[in-house]
PDB file of N, CA and C in Angstrom:
ATOM      1  N   MET A   1       1.424   6.017 -17.735  1.00  0.00           N
ATOM      2  CA  MET A   1       0.846   5.484 -16.276  1.00  0.00           C
ATOM      3  C   MET A   1       0.798   4.343 -16.658  1.00  0.00           C
ATOM      4  N   PRO A   2       0.939   3.339 -16.152  1.00  0.00           N
ATOM      5  CA  PRO A   2      -0.207   1.994 -15.858  1.00  0.00           C
ATOM      6  C   PRO A   2      -0.892   2.449 -14.911  1.00  0.00           C
ATOM      7  N   LYS A   3      -2.152   1.526 -14.693  1.00  0.00           N
ATOM      8  CA  LYS A   3      -3.156   1.867 -13.636  1.00  0.00           C
ATOM      9  C   LYS A   3      -2.496   1.291 -12.737  1.00  0.00           C
ATOM     10  N   LEU A   4      -2.505   1.402 -11.243  1.00  0.00           N
ATOM     11  CA  LEU A   4      -2.156   1.180 -10.188  1.00  0.00           C
ATOM     12  C   LEU A   4      -3.080   0.328  -9.276  1.00  0.00           C
ATOM     13  N   LYS A   5      -2.686  -0.601  -8.841  1.00  0.00           N
ATOM     14  CA  LYS A   5      -3.873  -1.822  -8.320  1.00  0.00           C
ATOM     15  C   LYS A   5      -4.063  -1.853  -7.457  1.00  0.00           C
ATOM     16  N   ILE A   6      -2.851  -0.305  -6.122  1.00  0.00           N
ATOM     17  CA  ILE A   6      -4.016  -0.078  -5.287  1.00  0.00           C
ATOM     18  C   ILE A   6      -4.784   1.459  -4.884  1.00  0.00           C
ATOM     19  N   GLY A   7      -6.021   1.678  -5.083  1.00  0.00           N
ATOM     20  CA  GLY A   7      -6.071   2.536  -5.292  1.00  0.00           C
ATOM     21  C   GLY A   7      -6.359   3.389  -4.056  1.00  0.00           C
ATOM     22  N   GLU A   8      -7.845   4.270  -3.774  1.00  0.00           N
ATOM     23  CA  GLU A   8      -8.070   4.643  -2.389  1.00  0.00           C
ATOM     24  C   GLU A   8      -7.982   3.753  -0.744  1.00  0.00           C
ATOM     25  N   LEU A   9      -7.282   4.389  -0.497  1.00  0.00           N
ATOM     26  CA  LEU A   9      -7.546   3.404   0.838  1.00  0.00           C
ATOM     27  C   LEU A   9      -8.770   4.052   2.088  1.00  0.00           C
ATOM     28  N   PRO A  10      -9.479   3.057   2.795  1.00  0.00           N
ATOM     29  CA  PRO A  10     -10.385   2.707   3.018  1.00  0.00           C
ATOM     30  C   PRO A  10      -9.731   3.613   4.524  1.00  0.00           C
ATOM     31  N   ASP A  11     -11.093   4.120   5.038  1.00  0.00           N
ATOM     32  CA  ASP A  11     -11.148   4.740   6.092  1.00  0.00           C
ATOM     33  C   ASP A  11     -10.933   3.497   7.393  1.00  0.00           C
ATOM     34  N   ASP A  12      -9.858   2.770   8.208  1.00  0.00           N
ATOM     35  CA  ASP A  12     -10.471   2.245   8.740  1.00  0.00           C
ATOM     36  C   ASP A  12      -9.931   1.723  10.312  1.00  0.00           C
ATOM     37  N   LYS A  13     -10.180   1.704  11.414  1.00  0.00           N
ATOM     38  CA  LYS A  13      -9.672   1.856  12.593  1.00  0.00           C
ATOM     39  C   LYS A  13      -8.042   0.917  12.503  1.00  0.00           C
ATOM     40  N   PRO A  14      -7.019   1.787  12.510  1.00  0.00           N
ATOM     41  CA  PRO A  14      -5.945   0.560  12.783  1.00  0.00           C
ATOM     42  C   PRO A  14      -5.381  -0.104  14.289  1.00  0.00           C
ATOM     43  N   VAL A  15      -4.386  -0.996  14.065  1.00  0.00           N
ATOM     44  CA  VAL A  15      -3.644  -2.120  14.972  1.00  0.00           C
ATOM     45  C   VAL A  15      -2.335  -1.157  14.551  1.00  0.00           C
ATOM     46  N   LYS A  16      -1.634  -0.759  15.468  1.00  0.00           N
ATOM     47  CA  LYS A  16      -0.417  -0.366  15.345  1.00  0.00           C
ATOM     48  C   LYS A  16       0.872  -1.549  15.410  1.00  0.00           C
ATOM     49  N   VAL A  17       1.491  -1.562  14.678  1.00  0.00           N
ATOM     50  CA  VAL A  17       2.302  -2.358  14.019  1.00  0.00           C
ATOM     51  C   VAL A  17       4.042  -2.104  13.767  1.00  0.00           C
ATOM     52  N   SER A  18       4.847  -2.173  14.649  1.00  0.00           N
ATOM     53  CA  SER A  18       6.116  -2.430  14.336  1.00  0.00           C
ATOM     54  C   SER A  18       6.851  -2.678  13.662  1.00  0.00           C
ATOM     55  N   THR A  19       7.531  -2.578  12.210  1.00  0.00           N
ATOM     56  CA  THR A  19       8.455  -2.865  11.443  1.00  0.00           C
ATOM     57  C   THR A  19       9.874  -2.299  11.139  1.00  0.00           C
ATOM     58  N   GLU A  20      10.699  -3.072  10.179  1.00  0.00           N
ATOM     59  CA  GLU A  20      11.554  -2.394   9.577  1.00  0.00           C
ATOM     60  C   GLU A  20      11.384  -2.716   8.184  1.00  0.00           C
ATOM     61  N   LEU A  21      11.663  -1.869   7.937  1.00  0.00           N
ATOM     62  CA  LEU A  21      11.776  -2.049   6.030  1.00  0.00           C
ATOM     63  C   LEU A  21      13.238  -1.944   5.183  1.00  0.00           C
ATOM     64  N   PRO A  22      13.216  -2.677   4.306  1.00  0.00           N
ATOM     65  CA  PRO A  22      14.859  -2.064   3.711  1.00  0.00           C
ATOM     66  C   PRO A  22      14.525  -0.761   3.057  1.00  0.00           C
ATOM     67  N   ALA A  23      15.420  -0.312   3.160  1.00  0.00           N
ATOM     68  CA  ALA A  23      15.470   1.169   2.596  1.00  0.00           C
ATOM     69  C   ALA A  23      15.112   1.055   0.716  1.00  0.00           C
ATOM     70  N   ALA A  24      15.143   0.165  -0.200  1.00  0.00           N
ATOM     71  CA  ALA A  24      14.778   0.368  -1.391  1.00  0.00           C
ATOM     72  C   ALA A  24      13.082  -0.167  -0.972  1.00  0.00           C
ATOM     73  N   VAL A  25      12.773  -0.686   0.041  1.00  0.00           N
ATOM     74  CA  VAL A  25      11.330  -0.860  -0.375  1.00  0.00           C
ATOM     75  C   VAL A  25      10.689   0.154   0.326  1.00  0.00           C
ATOM     76  N   HIS A  26      11.374   0.841   1.302  1.00  0.00           N
ATOM     77  CA  HIS A  26      10.919   2.499   1.555  1.00  0.00           C
ATOM     78  C   HIS A  26      10.693   3.242   0.632  1.00  0.00           C
ATOM     79  N   ARG A  27      11.561   3.371  -0.171  1.00  0.00           N
ATOM     80  CA  ARG A  27      12.224   4.108  -1.561  1.00  0.00           C
ATOM     81  C   ARG A  27      10.652   3.742  -2.664  1.00  0.00           C
ATOM     82  N   ASP A  28      10.241   2.123  -2.636  1.00  0.00           N
ATOM     83  CA  ASP A  28       9.624   2.718  -3.527  1.00  0.00           C
ATOM     84  C   ASP A  28       7.913   3.210  -3.070  1.00  0.00           C
ATOM     85  N   LEU A  29       7.941   2.204  -1.810  1.00  0.00           N
ATOM     86  CA  LEU A  29       6.677   2.886  -1.212  1.00  0.00           C
ATOM     87  C   LEU A  29       6.597   4.328  -1.060  1.00  0.00           C
ATOM     88  N   ILE A  30       7.365   5.142  -1.245  1.00  0.00           N
ATOM     89  CA  ILE A  30       7.444   6.747  -1.726  1.00  0.00           C
ATOM     90  C   ILE A  30       7.069   6.892  -2.721  1.00  0.00           C
ATOM     91  N   ALA A  31       7.412   5.899  -3.611  1.00  0.00           N
ATOM     92  CA  ALA A  31       6.976   6.281  -4.999  1.00  0.00           C
ATOM     93  C   ALA A  31       5.745   6.134  -5.694  1.00  0.00           C
ATOM     94  N   TYR A  32       5.425   4.620  -4.997  1.00  0.00           N
ATOM     95  CA  TYR A  32       4.187   4.583  -5.063  1.00  0.00           C
ATOM     96  C   TYR A  32       3.084   5.776  -4.387  1.00  0.00           C
ATOM     97  N   ALA A  33       3.599   6.024  -3.371  1.00  0.00           N
ATOM     98  CA  ALA A  33       2.708   7.392  -2.645  1.00  0.00           C
ATOM     99  C   ALA A  33       2.523   8.375  -3.901  1.00  0.00           C
ATOM    100  N   GLU A  34       3.983   8.592  -4.515  1.00  0.00           N
ATOM    101  CA  GLU A  34       3.323   9.807  -5.028  1.00  0.00           C
ATOM    102  C   GLU A  34       2.922   9.690  -6.229  1.00  0.00           C
ATOM    103  N   ALA A  35       2.871   8.261  -6.774  1.00  0.00           N
ATOM    104  CA  ALA A  35       2.347   8.227  -8.040  1.00  0.00           C
ATOM    105  C   ALA A  35       0.585   8.389  -8.076  1.00  0.00           C
ATOM    106  N   LEU A  36       0.297   7.871  -6.502  1.00  0.00           N
ATOM    107  CA  LEU A  36      -1.085   7.797  -6.425  1.00  0.00           C
ATOM    108  C   LEU A  36      -1.093   9.293  -5.920  1.00  0.00           C
ATOM    109  N   THR A  37      -0.547  10.004  -5.505  1.00  0.00           N
ATOM    110  CA  THR A  37      -1.272  11.391  -5.498  1.00  0.00           C
ATOM    111  C   THR A  37      -1.439  12.286  -6.354  1.00  0.00           C
ATOM    112  N   ARG A  38      -0.733  11.653  -8.090  1.00  0.00           N
ATOM    113  CA  ARG A  38      -0.535  12.330  -9.096  1.00  0.00           C
ATOM    114  C   ARG A  38      -1.655  11.910  -9.802  1.00  0.00           C
ATOM    115  N   GLN A  39      -1.845  10.458  -9.650  1.00  0.00           N
ATOM    116  CA  GLN A  39      -2.631   9.805 -10.173  1.00  0.00           C
ATOM    117  C   GLN A  39      -4.665  10.350 -10.001  1.00  0.00           C
ATOM    118  N   GLY A  40      -4.606  10.451  -8.336  1.00  0.00           N
ATOM    119  CA  GLY A  40      -5.805  10.434  -7.927  1.00  0.00           C
ATOM    120  C   GLY A  40      -6.597  12.169  -7.100  1.00  0.00           C
ATOM    121  N   GLY A  41      -5.591  12.541  -6.820  1.00  0.00           N
ATOM    122  CA  GLY A  41      -4.859  13.922  -6.298  1.00  0.00           C
ATOM    123  C   GLY A  41      -4.762  14.023  -4.422  1.00  0.00           C
ATOM    124  N   GLN A  42      -5.302  12.621  -3.945  1.00  0.00           N
ATOM    125  CA  GLN A  42      -5.310  12.437  -2.655  1.00  0.00           C
ATOM    126  C   GLN A  42      -3.870  12.648  -2.001  1.00  0.00           C
ATOM    127  N   VAL A  43      -3.383  12.771  -1.309  1.00  0.00           N
ATOM    128  CA  VAL A  43      -2.232  12.839  -0.813  1.00  0.00           C
ATOM    129  C   VAL A  43      -1.690  11.566   0.433  1.00  0.00           C
ATOM    130  N   VAL A  44      -1.280  10.697  -0.052  1.00  0.00           N
ATOM    131  CA  VAL A  44      -0.860   9.261   0.685  1.00  0.00           C
ATOM    132  C   VAL A  44       0.456   9.436   1.381  1.00  0.00           C
ATOM    133  N   ASP A  45       0.127   8.393   2.844  1.00  0.00           N
ATOM    134  CA  ASP A  45       0.941   8.156   3.468  1.00  0.00           C
ATOM    135  C   ASP A  45       1.782   7.429   2.905  1.00  0.00           C
ATOM    136  N   PRO A  46       3.048   7.532   2.470  1.00  0.00           N
ATOM    137  CA  PRO A  46       3.985   6.233   1.961  1.00  0.00           C
ATOM    138  C   PRO A  46       3.338   4.987   2.963  1.00  0.00           C
ATOM    139  N   THR A  47       3.863   4.795   4.260  1.00  0.00           N
ATOM    140  CA  THR A  47       3.687   3.952   5.267  1.00  0.00           C
ATOM    141  C   THR A  47       1.737   3.092   5.545  1.00  0.00           C
ATOM    142  N   LYS A  48       0.748   4.035   4.883  1.00  0.00           N
ATOM    143  CA  LYS A  48      -0.417   3.825   4.966  1.00  0.00           C
ATOM    144  C   LYS A  48      -0.761   2.774   3.762  1.00  0.00           C
ATOM    145  N   LEU A  49       0.202   2.444   3.003  1.00  0.00           N
ATOM    146  CA  LEU A  49       0.379   1.055   1.683  1.00  0.00           C
ATOM    147  C   LEU A  49       0.583   0.401   1.613  1.00  0.00           C
ATOM    148  N   ILE A  50       1.395  -0.025   3.406  1.00  0.00           N
ATOM    149  CA  ILE A  50       1.724  -1.233   3.891  1.00  0.00           C
ATOM    150  C   ILE A  50       0.658  -2.183   3.945  1.00  0.00           C
ATOM    151  N   ALA A  51      -0.369  -2.171   4.483  1.00  0.00           N
ATOM    152  CA  ALA A  51      -1.278  -2.563   4.317  1.00  0.00           C
ATOM    153  C   ALA A  51      -2.429  -3.347   3.742  1.00  0.00           C
ATOM    154  N   ALA A  52      -2.666  -1.593   3.339  1.00  0.00           N
ATOM    155  CA  ALA A  52      -3.247  -2.103   1.806  1.00  0.00           C
ATOM    156  C   ALA A  52      -2.547  -2.823   0.624  1.00  0.00           C
ATOM    157  N   MET A  53      -1.456  -3.138   0.689  1.00  0.00           N
ATOM    158  CA  MET A  53      -0.755  -3.756  -0.174  1.00  0.00           C
ATOM    159  C   MET A  53      -0.693  -5.418   0.659  1.00  0.00           C
ATOM    160  N   LEU A  54      -0.271  -4.750   1.932  1.00  0.00           N
ATOM    161  CA  LEU A  54      -0.257  -6.640   2.564  1.00  0.00           C
ATOM    162  C   LEU A  54      -1.670  -7.715   2.212  1.00  0.00           C
ATOM    163  N   ALA A  55      -2.639  -7.068   2.071  1.00  0.00           N
ATOM    164  CA  ALA A  55      -4.215  -7.529   2.250  1.00  0.00           C
ATOM    165  C   ALA A  55      -4.429  -7.351   0.775  1.00  0.00           C
ATOM    166  N   ARG A  56      -4.005  -6.811  -0.133  1.00  0.00           N
ATOM    167  CA  ARG A  56      -4.256  -7.482  -1.324  1.00  0.00           C
ATOM    168  C   ARG A  56      -3.473  -8.919  -1.900  1.00  0.00           C
ATOM    169  N   PHE A  57      -2.102  -8.761  -1.263  1.00  0.00           N
ATOM    170  CA  PHE A  57      -1.278  -9.549  -1.433  1.00  0.00           C
ATOM    171  C   PHE A  57      -2.214 -11.087  -0.827  1.00  0.00           C
ATOM    172  N   MET A  58      -2.398 -10.917   0.490  1.00  0.00           N
ATOM    173  CA  MET A  58      -2.779 -11.911   1.005  1.00  0.00           C
ATOM    174  C   MET A  58      -4.600 -12.955   0.243  1.00  0.00           C
ATOM    175  N   ALA A  59      -5.166 -11.600   0.140  1.00  0.00           N
ATOM    176  CA  ALA A  59      -6.317 -11.808  -0.896  1.00  0.00           C
ATOM    177  C   ALA A  59      -5.970 -12.351  -2.177  1.00  0.00           C
ATOM    178  N   THR A  60      -4.995 -12.368  -3.088  1.00  0.00           N
ATOM    179  CA  THR A  60      -4.728 -12.884  -4.424  1.00  0.00           C
ATOM    180  C   THR A  60      -4.354 -14.385  -4.112  1.00  0.00           C
ATOM    181  N   ILE A  61      -3.334 -15.133  -2.835  1.00  0.00           N
ATOM    182  CA  ILE A  61      -2.836 -16.346  -2.588  1.00  0.00           C
ATOM    183  C   ILE A  61      -4.058 -17.218  -2.403  1.00  0.00           C
ATOM    184  N   GLU A  62      -4.221 -18.000  -3.410  1.00  0.00           N
ATOM    185  CA  GLU A  62      -5.437 -18.885  -3.398  1.00  0.00           C
ATOM    186  C   GLU A  62      -5.323 -19.888  -1.627  1.00  0.00           C
ATOM    187  N   ASP A  63      -3.915 -20.683  -2.132  1.00  0.00           N
ATOM    188  CA  ASP A  63      -4.048 -21.455  -0.727  1.00  0.00           C
ATOM    189  C   ASP A  63      -4.062 -20.974   0.696  1.00  0.00           C
ATOM    190  N   PHE A  64      -3.721 -19.445   0.797  1.00  0.00           N
ATOM    191  CA  PHE A  64      -4.126 -19.319   2.310  1.00  0.00           C
ATOM    192  C   PHE A  64      -5.624 -18.970   2.312  1.00  0.00           C
ATOM    193  N   LEU A  65      -6.437 -18.281   1.559  1.00  0.00           N
ATOM    194  CA  LEU A  65      -8.349 -18.274   1.686  1.00  0.00           C
ATOM    195  C   LEU A  65      -8.699 -19.717   1.408  1.00  0.00           C
ATOM    196  N   ASN A  66      -8.057 -20.803   1.027  1.00  0.00           N
ATOM    197  CA  ASN A  66      -8.942 -22.292   1.159  1.00  0.00           C
ATOM    198  C   ASN A  66      -8.306 -23.274   2.681  1.00  0.00           C
TER     199      ASN A  66
END
């Protein structure tokens, strides 16, 4: 299995945001959370991945940071 790009999630005070996701995206989040659980043993709520993935995406956009 390839190394996953999102590792252990930091313990951080959240801000509540409500959104709708396409069913396919939700299924992918569930699958990713299951893979993280298998890899690290930490049970991950798939909805908690959204913020971590968005933060990683934004950190990799050079134009966004400049």
